Amino acid sequence: MMVTTAISYFKRYKMEVDLHDLPTLVLPSDFQLLPWSEEVLTAHAEVLNDSFHQEIDAVIFPSLSSPNGCVTLMNVVSRRVNFLPGATWLAVGPAGPCGAIQGLHERGGVGAIQNVGVTPAWRGRGVGEALVLQTLHGFRRAGLGRALLEVTARNEGAQRLYRRLGFRRFKTLYKAVPDTHEM
């Protein structure tokens, strides 16, 4: 049995926004944002799995492709020394948890958005916008001046949202992902 490994490259954009003039948060009716606590870790993981397991990001970041991977990811993110609970939120709608976002405090007064996930049934209703804005306001309350995130180039909907919120692309990255096939 021979294993061949090829590499696929996925184009991603690094985007940033200044935190000084943020829009006001408008949360869709019948939704609430829950602040970070250990009690919502599993709900964050479930939302991430539901949001990403059938998307290209699950190929680029395999932890997003399974429930266990998402739980592990949330454990790792929430235990980082630069994890920012005040920039980490869970959106809950009429049917339960439907959106999640995590924030980190990076060097140089920069907030880093991690894993903006909205489950497919609730996309296009303002949930993602509310999550991102709540996180940006959390970064500003923490004294940060800028925020950044990465987005897969194929995710045009997310890019439109981020541009609408003032993010500008400043760097193009290529993420190498091994393709392993048994022959």
N, C-alpha and C. Protein backbone atom coordinates (compact mmCIF):
# COMPACT_ATOMS: atom_id res chain seq x y z
N MET A 1 0.84 -1.16 0.00
CA MET A 1 0.00 0.00 0.00
C MET A 1 0.90 1.24 0.00
N MET A 2 0.63 2.13 -0.90
CA MET A 2 1.42 3.35 -1.03
C MET A 2 0.56 4.55 -0.67
N VAL A 3 1.10 5.44 0.12
CA VAL A 3 0.39 6.66 0.49
C VAL A 3 1.05 7.82 -0.25
N THR A 4 0.24 8.52 -1.00
CA THR A 4 0.76 9.71 -1.68
C THR A 4 0.17 10.93 -1.02
N THR A 5 0.98 11.92 -0.90
CA THR A 5 0.54 13.16 -0.29
C THR A 5 0.74 14.29 -1.28
N ALA A 6 -0.34 14.97 -1.56
CA ALA A 6 -0.30 16.18 -2.37
C ALA A 6 -0.67 17.33 -1.44
N ILE A 7 -0.35 18.51 -1.85
CA ILE A 7 -0.67 19.69 -1.06
C ILE A 7 -1.65 20.55 -1.86
N SER A 8 -2.73 20.94 -1.20
CA SER A 8 -3.66 21.92 -1.76
C SER A 8 -3.44 23.23 -1.03
N TYR A 9 -3.56 24.32 -1.75
CA TYR A 9 -3.40 25.65 -1.16
C TYR A 9 -4.74 26.37 -1.21
N PHE A 10 -5.13 26.93 -0.08
CA PHE A 10 -6.38 27.66 0.02
C PHE A 10 -6.08 29.13 0.29
N LYS A 11 -6.65 29.97 -0.53
CA LYS A 11 -6.45 31.41 -0.41
C LYS A 11 -7.30 31.95 0.73
N ARG A 12 -6.66 32.72 1.59
CA ARG A 12 -7.35 33.37 2.71
C ARG A 12 -6.92 34.82 2.77
N TYR A 13 -7.81 35.63 3.29
CA TYR A 13 -7.52 37.05 3.43
C TYR A 13 -7.44 37.40 4.91
N LYS A 14 -6.45 38.21 5.24
CA LYS A 14 -6.36 38.78 6.57
C LYS A 14 -6.99 40.17 6.45
N MET A 15 -7.95 40.45 7.32
CA MET A 15 -8.67 41.72 7.29
C MET A 15 -8.56 42.38 8.65
N GLU A 16 -8.61 43.73 8.66
CA GLU A 16 -8.52 44.45 9.92
C GLU A 16 -9.49 45.63 9.92
N VAL A 17 -9.79 46.09 11.12
CA VAL A 17 -10.69 47.22 11.30
C VAL A 17 -10.21 48.04 12.49
N ASP A 18 -10.38 49.34 12.40
CA ASP A 18 -10.12 50.25 13.50
C ASP A 18 -11.33 50.20 14.44
N LEU A 19 -11.10 50.25 15.73
CA LEU A 19 -12.19 50.10 16.70
C LEU A 19 -12.73 51.41 17.25
N HIS A 20 -12.32 52.53 16.68
CA HIS A 20 -12.73 53.81 17.25
C HIS A 20 -14.16 54.22 16.93
N ASP A 21 -14.63 53.97 15.73
CA ASP A 21 -15.98 54.38 15.33
C ASP A 21 -16.81 53.17 14.94
N LEU A 22 -17.23 52.42 15.92
CA LEU A 22 -17.98 51.20 15.65
C LEU A 22 -19.47 51.49 15.52
N PRO A 23 -20.14 50.78 14.61
CA PRO A 23 -21.60 50.92 14.53
C PRO A 23 -22.26 50.40 15.80
N THR A 24 -23.48 50.84 16.02
CA THR A 24 -24.27 50.36 17.15
C THR A 24 -24.74 48.94 16.88
N LEU A 25 -24.72 48.15 17.90
CA LEU A 25 -25.17 46.76 17.80
C LEU A 25 -26.69 46.71 17.71
N VAL A 26 -27.19 45.99 16.71
CA VAL A 26 -28.62 45.73 16.59
C VAL A 26 -28.79 44.22 16.55
N LEU A 27 -29.44 43.69 17.57
CA LEU A 27 -29.64 42.25 17.67
C LEU A 27 -31.01 41.91 17.09
N PRO A 28 -31.09 40.92 16.21
CA PRO A 28 -32.41 40.54 15.69
C PRO A 28 -33.36 40.17 16.83
N SER A 29 -34.65 40.47 16.65
CA SER A 29 -35.61 40.15 17.70
C SER A 29 -35.65 38.63 17.91
N ASP A 30 -36.00 38.23 19.09
CA ASP A 30 -36.05 36.82 19.49
C ASP A 30 -34.67 36.18 19.63
N PHE A 31 -33.61 36.98 19.65
CA PHE A 31 -32.25 36.47 19.82
C PHE A 31 -31.63 37.13 21.04
N GLN A 32 -30.70 36.43 21.65
CA GLN A 32 -29.91 37.02 22.73
C GLN A 32 -28.47 36.57 22.58
N LEU A 33 -27.56 37.36 23.13
CA LEU A 33 -26.14 37.02 23.13
C LEU A 33 -25.75 36.67 24.56
N LEU A 34 -25.20 35.47 24.72
CA LEU A 34 -24.75 35.03 26.04
C LEU A 34 -23.24 35.23 26.15
N PRO A 35 -22.79 35.81 27.27
CA PRO A 35 -21.35 35.99 27.45
C PRO A 35 -20.67 34.66 27.70
N TRP A 36 -19.35 34.67 27.56
CA TRP A 36 -18.57 33.45 27.77
C TRP A 36 -18.66 32.99 29.21
N SER A 37 -18.79 31.70 29.37
CA SER A 37 -18.59 30.99 30.63
C SER A 37 -18.29 29.55 30.26
N GLU A 38 -17.69 28.82 31.18
CA GLU A 38 -17.39 27.41 30.92
C GLU A 38 -18.66 26.63 30.60
N GLU A 39 -19.79 27.07 31.14
CA GLU A 39 -21.07 26.37 30.93
C GLU A 39 -21.52 26.39 29.47
N VAL A 40 -21.03 27.34 28.66
CA VAL A 40 -21.46 27.41 27.26
C VAL A 40 -20.41 26.86 26.29
N LEU A 41 -19.33 26.28 26.81
CA LEU A 41 -18.28 25.73 25.94
C LEU A 41 -18.85 24.70 24.98
N THR A 42 -19.64 23.77 25.46
CA THR A 42 -20.19 22.73 24.59
C THR A 42 -21.13 23.33 23.55
N ALA A 43 -21.91 24.33 23.93
CA ALA A 43 -22.80 24.99 22.97
C ALA A 43 -21.99 25.70 21.88
N HIS A 44 -20.88 26.35 22.25
CA HIS A 44 -20.00 26.97 21.25
C HIS A 44 -19.51 25.90 20.28
N ALA A 45 -19.06 24.78 20.82
CA ALA A 45 -18.53 23.70 19.97
C ALA A 45 -19.60 23.14 19.04
N GLU A 46 -20.81 22.96 19.54
CA GLU A 46 -21.90 22.44 18.70
C GLU A 46 -22.23 23.41 17.57
N VAL A 47 -22.26 24.70 17.89
CA VAL A 47 -22.53 25.70 16.85
C VAL A 47 -21.41 25.70 15.81
N LEU A 48 -20.16 25.63 16.26
CA LEU A 48 -19.06 25.59 15.30
C LEU A 48 -19.17 24.37 14.39
N ASN A 49 -19.46 23.21 14.96
CA ASN A 49 -19.60 22.01 14.15
C ASN A 49 -20.74 22.18 13.14
N ASP A 50 -21.91 22.62 13.61
CA ASP A 50 -23.05 22.81 12.71
C ASP A 50 -22.77 23.86 11.63
N SER A 51 -21.97 24.86 11.98
CA SER A 51 -21.67 25.95 11.05
C SER A 51 -20.64 25.56 9.99
N PHE A 52 -19.67 24.72 10.35
CA PHE A 52 -18.52 24.50 9.48
C PHE A 52 -18.34 23.10 8.92
N HIS A 53 -18.96 22.07 9.48
CA HIS A 53 -18.59 20.70 9.10
C HIS A 53 -18.81 20.39 7.62
N GLN A 54 -19.66 21.12 6.94
CA GLN A 54 -19.87 20.90 5.50
C GLN A 54 -19.32 22.04 4.66
N GLU A 55 -18.50 22.88 5.23
CA GLU A 55 -17.93 24.04 4.55
C GLU A 55 -16.45 23.80 4.24
N ILE A 56 -15.92 24.62 3.37
CA ILE A 56 -14.51 24.50 2.98
C ILE A 56 -13.58 24.68 4.18
N ASP A 57 -14.01 25.46 5.17
CA ASP A 57 -13.16 25.67 6.34
C ASP A 57 -12.90 24.38 7.11
N ALA A 58 -13.78 23.40 7.02
CA ALA A 58 -13.55 22.11 7.68
C ALA A 58 -12.44 21.32 6.99
N VAL A 59 -12.20 21.60 5.72
CA VAL A 59 -11.07 20.98 5.01
C VAL A 59 -9.77 21.68 5.41
N ILE A 60 -9.84 22.99 5.49
CA ILE A 60 -8.65 23.79 5.82
C ILE A 60 -8.26 23.60 7.29
N PHE A 61 -9.26 23.53 8.15
CA PHE A 61 -9.04 23.35 9.59
C PHE A 61 -9.82 22.11 10.03
N PRO A 62 -9.20 20.94 9.99
CA PRO A 62 -9.91 19.68 10.27
C PRO A 62 -10.63 19.62 11.61
N SER A 63 -10.20 20.40 12.60
CA SER A 63 -10.89 20.38 13.89
C SER A 63 -12.35 20.82 13.74
N LEU A 64 -12.66 21.59 12.70
CA LEU A 64 -14.03 22.05 12.49
C LEU A 64 -14.92 21.01 11.82
N SER A 65 -14.36 19.86 11.48
CA SER A 65 -15.10 18.86 10.71
C SER A 65 -15.84 17.83 11.56
N SER A 66 -15.66 17.87 12.89
CA SER A 66 -16.32 16.87 13.73
C SER A 66 -16.70 17.49 15.08
N PRO A 67 -17.71 16.92 15.72
CA PRO A 67 -18.08 17.41 17.05
C PRO A 67 -16.92 17.36 18.05
N ASN A 68 -16.17 16.26 18.09
CA ASN A 68 -15.05 16.15 19.02
C ASN A 68 -13.96 17.16 18.71
N GLY A 69 -13.70 17.38 17.41
CA GLY A 69 -12.70 18.38 17.02
C GLY A 69 -13.09 19.76 17.48
N CYS A 70 -14.38 20.09 17.40
CA CYS A 70 -14.85 21.41 17.82
C CYS A 70 -14.77 21.58 19.34
N VAL A 71 -15.05 20.53 20.09
CA VAL A 71 -14.91 20.59 21.55
C VAL A 71 -13.43 20.80 21.90
N THR A 72 -12.55 20.05 21.24
CA THR A 72 -11.12 20.22 21.48
C THR A 72 -10.69 21.64 21.14
N LEU A 73 -11.13 22.14 19.99
CA LEU A 73 -10.78 23.51 19.58
C LEU A 73 -11.23 24.51 20.63
N MET A 74 -12.46 24.41 21.12
CA MET A 74 -12.95 25.35 22.12
C MET A 74 -12.17 25.24 23.43
N ASN A 75 -11.79 24.02 23.80
CA ASN A 75 -10.96 23.87 25.00
C ASN A 75 -9.61 24.56 24.82
N VAL A 76 -9.01 24.39 23.66
CA VAL A 76 -7.70 25.01 23.40
C VAL A 76 -7.83 26.53 23.37
N VAL A 77 -8.80 27.05 22.63
CA VAL A 77 -8.97 28.50 22.51
C VAL A 77 -9.25 29.12 23.88
N SER A 78 -10.17 28.54 24.63
CA SER A 78 -10.59 29.15 25.90
C SER A 78 -9.54 29.05 27.00
N ARG A 79 -8.52 28.24 26.80
CA ARG A 79 -7.47 28.11 27.80
C ARG A 79 -6.18 28.87 27.42
N ARG A 80 -6.22 29.51 26.28
CA ARG A 80 -5.05 30.31 25.89
C ARG A 80 -4.90 31.48 26.85
N VAL A 81 -3.68 31.87 27.10
CA VAL A 81 -3.41 32.96 28.03
C VAL A 81 -3.98 34.28 27.51
N ASN A 82 -4.12 34.42 26.20
CA ASN A 82 -4.62 35.66 25.62
C ASN A 82 -6.11 35.58 25.25
N PHE A 83 -6.81 34.55 25.75
CA PHE A 83 -8.25 34.43 25.52
C PHE A 83 -8.95 35.60 26.19
N LEU A 84 -9.92 36.19 25.49
CA LEU A 84 -10.63 37.37 25.99
C LEU A 84 -12.11 37.03 26.17
N PRO A 85 -12.52 36.64 27.38
CA PRO A 85 -13.92 36.28 27.61
C PRO A 85 -14.91 37.38 27.23
N GLY A 86 -14.53 38.65 27.41
CA GLY A 86 -15.41 39.77 27.09
C GLY A 86 -15.61 39.99 25.60
N ALA A 87 -14.92 39.21 24.78
CA ALA A 87 -15.07 39.29 23.32
C ALA A 87 -15.50 37.93 22.76
N THR A 88 -16.09 37.11 23.60
CA THR A 88 -16.50 35.76 23.21
C THR A 88 -17.98 35.59 23.54
N TRP A 89 -18.77 35.26 22.51
CA TRP A 89 -20.23 35.29 22.65
C TRP A 89 -20.90 34.11 21.97
N LEU A 90 -22.06 33.77 22.49
CA LEU A 90 -22.91 32.73 21.92
C LEU A 90 -24.25 33.36 21.59
N ALA A 91 -24.69 33.21 20.34
CA ALA A 91 -26.02 33.71 19.94
C ALA A 91 -27.03 32.58 20.14
N VAL A 92 -28.15 32.94 20.77
CA VAL A 92 -29.22 31.99 21.01
C VAL A 92 -30.49 32.57 20.40
N GLY A 93 -31.12 31.76 19.55
CA GLY A 93 -32.34 32.19 18.89
C GLY A 93 -33.52 31.35 19.33
N PRO A 94 -34.63 31.45 18.61
CA PRO A 94 -35.84 30.71 18.98
C PRO A 94 -35.64 29.20 19.06
N ALA A 95 -34.71 28.65 18.28
CA ALA A 95 -34.48 27.20 18.27
C ALA A 95 -33.25 26.80 19.09
N GLY A 96 -32.65 27.74 19.82
CA GLY A 96 -31.47 27.43 20.63
C GLY A 96 -30.21 28.08 20.08
N PRO A 97 -29.03 27.63 20.52
CA PRO A 97 -27.77 28.23 20.07
C PRO A 97 -27.63 28.14 18.54
N CYS A 98 -27.23 29.27 17.93
CA CYS A 98 -27.15 29.33 16.47
C CYS A 98 -25.96 30.13 15.97
N GLY A 99 -25.16 30.71 16.85
CA GLY A 99 -24.00 31.48 16.43
C GLY A 99 -22.98 31.54 17.55
N ALA A 100 -21.71 31.63 17.16
CA ALA A 100 -20.64 31.69 18.15
C ALA A 100 -19.46 32.46 17.58
N ILE A 101 -18.73 33.08 18.47
CA ILE A 101 -17.52 33.83 18.10
C ILE A 101 -16.60 33.85 19.31
N GLN A 102 -15.31 33.82 19.07
CA GLN A 102 -14.33 33.90 20.15
C GLN A 102 -13.33 35.01 19.84
N GLY A 103 -12.80 35.62 20.90
CA GLY A 103 -11.84 36.69 20.74
C GLY A 103 -10.58 36.46 21.54
N LEU A 104 -9.46 36.87 20.95
CA LEU A 104 -8.16 36.81 21.60
C LEU A 104 -7.54 38.20 21.64
N HIS A 105 -6.71 38.45 22.63
CA HIS A 105 -5.97 39.71 22.74
C HIS A 105 -4.55 39.43 22.26
N GLU A 106 -4.22 40.01 21.11
CA GLU A 106 -2.88 39.82 20.54
C GLU A 106 -1.98 40.98 20.94
N ARG A 107 -0.69 40.84 20.67
CA ARG A 107 0.27 41.90 20.95
C ARG A 107 -0.06 43.16 20.16
N GLY A 108 0.38 44.29 20.66
CA GLY A 108 0.21 45.54 19.94
C GLY A 108 -1.19 46.13 20.04
N GLY A 109 -1.97 45.71 21.02
CA GLY A 109 -3.31 46.26 21.20
C GLY A 109 -4.29 45.83 20.13
N VAL A 110 -4.14 44.59 19.66
CA VAL A 110 -4.98 44.07 18.57
C VAL A 110 -5.84 42.92 19.09
N GLY A 111 -7.11 42.96 18.73
CA GLY A 111 -8.01 41.85 19.00
C GLY A 111 -8.05 40.93 17.80
N ALA A 112 -8.06 39.65 18.03
CA ALA A 112 -8.12 38.67 16.95
C ALA A 112 -9.41 37.87 17.07
N ILE A 113 -10.25 37.98 16.05
CA ILE A 113 -11.50 37.23 16.01
C ILE A 113 -11.20 35.82 15.55
N GLN A 114 -11.80 34.87 16.27
CA GLN A 114 -11.65 33.45 15.95
C GLN A 114 -13.02 32.87 15.62
N ASN A 115 -13.13 32.07 14.60
CA ASN A 115 -14.26 31.18 14.39
C ASN A 115 -15.64 31.83 14.45
N VAL A 116 -15.93 32.75 13.57
CA VAL A 116 -17.28 33.29 13.48
C VAL A 116 -18.15 32.23 12.83
N GLY A 117 -19.06 31.67 13.58
CA GLY A 117 -19.92 30.61 13.05
C GLY A 117 -21.39 30.92 13.26
N VAL A 118 -22.17 30.81 12.19
CA VAL A 118 -23.63 30.92 12.27
C VAL A 118 -24.17 29.69 11.55
N THR A 119 -25.06 28.96 12.22
CA THR A 119 -25.61 27.75 11.62
C THR A 119 -26.38 28.10 10.35
N PRO A 120 -26.37 27.21 9.36
CA PRO A 120 -26.97 27.53 8.05
C PRO A 120 -28.40 28.05 8.10
N ALA A 121 -29.24 27.53 8.96
CA ALA A 121 -30.65 27.96 9.00
C ALA A 121 -30.82 29.40 9.45
N TRP A 122 -29.81 29.97 10.10
CA TRP A 122 -29.94 31.32 10.64
C TRP A 122 -29.06 32.34 9.94
N ARG A 123 -28.40 31.96 8.87
CA ARG A 123 -27.57 32.91 8.11
C ARG A 123 -28.45 33.91 7.38
N GLY A 124 -27.91 35.11 7.19
CA GLY A 124 -28.63 36.15 6.47
C GLY A 124 -29.69 36.87 7.29
N ARG A 125 -29.68 36.69 8.60
CA ARG A 125 -30.69 37.30 9.48
C ARG A 125 -30.10 38.31 10.45
N GLY A 126 -28.81 38.61 10.31
CA GLY A 126 -28.17 39.58 11.19
C GLY A 126 -27.47 39.00 12.40
N VAL A 127 -27.49 37.69 12.53
CA VAL A 127 -26.86 37.04 13.70
C VAL A 127 -25.34 37.23 13.64
N GLY A 128 -24.73 36.96 12.48
CA GLY A 128 -23.28 37.11 12.35
C GLY A 128 -22.84 38.54 12.58
N GLU A 129 -23.58 39.49 12.03
CA GLU A 129 -23.26 40.90 12.23
C GLU A 129 -23.31 41.27 13.71
N ALA A 130 -24.35 40.81 14.41
CA ALA A 130 -24.47 41.10 15.84
C ALA A 130 -23.30 40.50 16.62
N LEU A 131 -22.93 39.27 16.29
CA LEU A 131 -21.80 38.62 16.98
C LEU A 131 -20.50 39.39 16.76
N VAL A 132 -20.22 39.73 15.50
CA VAL A 132 -18.97 40.44 15.21
C VAL A 132 -18.95 41.79 15.91
N LEU A 133 -20.04 42.54 15.83
CA LEU A 133 -20.08 43.85 16.50
C LEU A 133 -19.93 43.72 18.01
N GLN A 134 -20.57 42.74 18.60
CA GLN A 134 -20.45 42.55 20.05
C GLN A 134 -19.00 42.26 20.42
N THR A 135 -18.33 41.47 19.61
CA THR A 135 -16.92 41.15 19.86
C THR A 135 -16.04 42.39 19.67
N LEU A 136 -16.30 43.16 18.61
CA LEU A 136 -15.53 44.39 18.40
C LEU A 136 -15.70 45.36 19.57
N HIS A 137 -16.93 45.50 20.06
CA HIS A 137 -17.16 46.36 21.23
C HIS A 137 -16.44 45.79 22.46
N GLY A 138 -16.40 44.47 22.59
CA GLY A 138 -15.66 43.85 23.68
C GLY A 138 -14.16 44.14 23.60
N PHE A 139 -13.63 44.11 22.39
CA PHE A 139 -12.21 44.46 22.21
C PHE A 139 -11.97 45.90 22.64
N ARG A 140 -12.87 46.79 22.22
CA ARG A 140 -12.69 48.21 22.56
C ARG A 140 -12.79 48.41 24.07
N ARG A 141 -13.75 47.74 24.73
CA ARG A 141 -13.85 47.84 26.19
C ARG A 141 -12.58 47.34 26.88
N ALA A 142 -11.88 46.41 26.23
CA ALA A 142 -10.62 45.87 26.79
C ALA A 142 -9.43 46.79 26.49
N GLY A 143 -9.69 47.92 25.82
CA GLY A 143 -8.63 48.89 25.55
C GLY A 143 -7.87 48.65 24.26
N LEU A 144 -8.38 47.79 23.39
CA LEU A 144 -7.70 47.50 22.13
C LEU A 144 -8.12 48.52 21.07
N GLY A 145 -7.22 48.77 20.12
CA GLY A 145 -7.49 49.79 19.09
C GLY A 145 -7.82 49.25 17.72
N ARG A 146 -7.44 48.00 17.46
CA ARG A 146 -7.70 47.38 16.15
C ARG A 146 -8.12 45.94 16.36
N ALA A 147 -8.78 45.40 15.34
CA ALA A 147 -9.13 43.99 15.36
C ALA A 147 -8.81 43.40 14.00
N LEU A 148 -8.50 42.11 13.99
CA LEU A 148 -8.25 41.42 12.74
C LEU A 148 -8.89 40.06 12.75
N LEU A 149 -9.02 39.51 11.55
CA LEU A 149 -9.54 38.17 11.37
C LEU A 149 -9.02 37.64 10.05
N GLU A 150 -9.20 36.35 9.84
CA GLU A 150 -8.89 35.73 8.56
C GLU A 150 -10.16 35.12 8.02
N VAL A 151 -10.30 35.16 6.70
CA VAL A 151 -11.48 34.60 6.04
C VAL A 151 -11.03 33.89 4.77
N THR A 152 -11.64 32.77 4.48
CA THR A 152 -11.35 32.03 3.26
C THR A 152 -11.87 32.81 2.07
N ALA A 153 -11.06 32.92 1.03
CA ALA A 153 -11.41 33.72 -0.13
C ALA A 153 -12.74 33.29 -0.76
N ARG A 154 -13.06 32.01 -0.68
CA ARG A 154 -14.31 31.52 -1.27
C ARG A 154 -15.55 31.93 -0.47
N ASN A 155 -15.37 32.40 0.74
CA ASN A 155 -16.51 32.75 1.60
C ASN A 155 -16.90 34.21 1.34
N GLU A 156 -17.56 34.42 0.23
CA GLU A 156 -17.90 35.78 -0.19
C GLU A 156 -18.93 36.43 0.72
N GLY A 157 -19.86 35.65 1.27
CA GLY A 157 -20.85 36.21 2.19
C GLY A 157 -20.20 36.80 3.42
N ALA A 158 -19.26 36.08 4.00
CA ALA A 158 -18.55 36.59 5.18
C ALA A 158 -17.73 37.82 4.82
N GLN A 159 -17.09 37.81 3.67
CA GLN A 159 -16.31 38.98 3.26
C GLN A 159 -17.19 40.22 3.13
N ARG A 160 -18.39 40.05 2.54
CA ARG A 160 -19.31 41.19 2.42
C ARG A 160 -19.68 41.73 3.80
N LEU A 161 -19.97 40.83 4.74
CA LEU A 161 -20.30 41.25 6.10
C LEU A 161 -19.15 42.04 6.70
N TYR A 162 -17.96 41.51 6.61
CA TYR A 162 -16.81 42.17 7.23
C TYR A 162 -16.54 43.54 6.60
N ARG A 163 -16.65 43.63 5.28
CA ARG A 163 -16.46 44.94 4.63
C ARG A 163 -17.53 45.94 5.08
N ARG A 164 -18.76 45.48 5.20
CA ARG A 164 -19.85 46.35 5.65
C ARG A 164 -19.57 46.89 7.05
N LEU A 165 -18.87 46.12 7.86
CA LEU A 165 -18.54 46.54 9.22
C LEU A 165 -17.23 47.33 9.30
N GLY A 166 -16.63 47.62 8.15
CA GLY A 166 -15.43 48.46 8.12
C GLY A 166 -14.12 47.72 7.97
N PHE A 167 -14.13 46.41 7.90
CA PHE A 167 -12.89 45.65 7.72
C PHE A 167 -12.34 45.89 6.33
N ARG A 168 -11.03 45.95 6.25
CA ARG A 168 -10.33 46.07 4.96
C ARG A 168 -9.28 44.98 4.87
N ARG A 169 -9.19 44.39 3.68
CA ARG A 169 -8.20 43.35 3.45
C ARG A 169 -6.82 43.99 3.40
N PHE A 170 -5.86 43.40 4.12
CA PHE A 170 -4.51 43.94 4.09
C PHE A 170 -3.45 42.91 3.75
N LYS A 171 -3.86 41.65 3.64
CA LYS A 171 -2.87 40.62 3.33
C LYS A 171 -3.57 39.41 2.75
N THR A 172 -2.92 38.77 1.78
CA THR A 172 -3.41 37.52 1.22
C THR A 172 -2.48 36.41 1.69
N LEU A 173 -3.07 35.34 2.20
CA LEU A 173 -2.32 34.20 2.71
C LEU A 173 -2.72 32.96 1.93
N TYR A 174 -1.86 31.97 1.92
CA TYR A 174 -2.18 30.68 1.32
C TYR A 174 -1.93 29.62 2.37
N LYS A 175 -2.98 28.92 2.73
CA LYS A 175 -2.90 27.87 3.75
C LYS A 175 -2.67 26.54 3.04
N ALA A 176 -1.58 25.89 3.35
CA ALA A 176 -1.26 24.58 2.76
C ALA A 176 -1.97 23.48 3.56
N VAL A 177 -2.65 22.61 2.82
CA VAL A 177 -3.38 21.51 3.45
C VAL A 177 -2.99 20.22 2.71
N PRO A 178 -2.45 19.24 3.45
CA PRO A 178 -2.07 17.98 2.78
C PRO A 178 -3.30 17.16 2.39
N ASP A 179 -3.25 16.59 1.19
CA ASP A 179 -4.24 15.62 0.72
C ASP A 179 -3.54 14.28 0.75
N THR A 180 -4.02 13.37 1.58
CA THR A 180 -3.40 12.05 1.68
C THR A 180 -4.36 11.03 1.07
N HIS A 181 -3.86 10.25 0.13
CA HIS A 181 -4.66 9.21 -0.54
C HIS A 181 -3.91 7.90 -0.49
N GLU A 182 -4.64 6.85 -0.13
CA GLU A 182 -4.02 5.51 -0.15
C GLU A 182 -4.21 4.91 -1.54
N MET A 183 -3.19 4.22 -2.01
CA MET A 183 -3.27 3.59 -3.33
C MET A 183 -3.03 2.11 -3.20
